[in-house]
Amino acid sequence: MTQEQWTAVDRYFTDLLVPTDPALDAALQSSAAAGLPPHNVSPNQGKLLLLLAQIQRARSILEIGTLGGYSTIWLARALPSDGRLITLEADPKHAEVARANIAHAGLSDIVDLRLGQALTTLPQIAAEGHIFDLIFIDADKPNNPDYFAWALKLSRRGSTIVADNVVRNGAVIDPSSSDPSVQGVRRFNQLLASEPRVSATAIQTVGSKGYDGFAIAIVTADQ
């Protein structure tokens, strides 16, 4: 198995199941033109996020890590017209590109982009009384344990929490790794395993984004 084959299979399923979309394509193109890192989810992963939000019948979504707004658009499209998505981005340049992409997709009335370090904006969101049906964690991995703690505070029984990039090309199994992202993900996974208020699993993936995976949890108890 090679990266070339993984990418070809991704393209096969994307061509079959994820129709070309001008707003999403434009978001990828503008992000690349602005020099943003190519860390957005793949099209079929974006479709998975949309399906998860629809299965959840989500009316409120929190996204930790906006980048260029590609996954934001996927998630926001799952919401009803009176739904709300709050997305958090620390980098002003990324936020500027994302706002333009979200506006181009016609979702500015649904999406509230908060600029600033997530560990600063999350307490503000909690103080506003928000509770979310679905929370997507896809930001700097060393802070994943703290993001998970906040996700629990901002959820309810039945909420879904999804965390991306939890396999790290397989490095997640190395307890001696010197990579802060690997160690952050390992701590997150350990918290996920020991938290009695959630039921969770993790899935390895291969595709156009390489070898990685995601964790998904359902909150099973009131906070």
Foldseek 3Di string as FASTA:
>chain_A
DDLVVQAVVVVVCCVVPPDDDVLLVVLVVLLVVLPFDPPDDDRVVLLVLLVVCLVLQWQEEEEEAQQQNNSVLSNLVSHDPNGAYEYEDADPSRVVNNVVSCVVSVNPVRYHYDYHHCVVVLVVVVVVPAATQEYEYEDQQLCLLVVVVSNLSRYFQFHKYKYWFLCVLVCLVPPPDPDSNSVSSVVNVVCQVPDPQKDKDKDWDAHNVGTGTMMMIGGHHGD
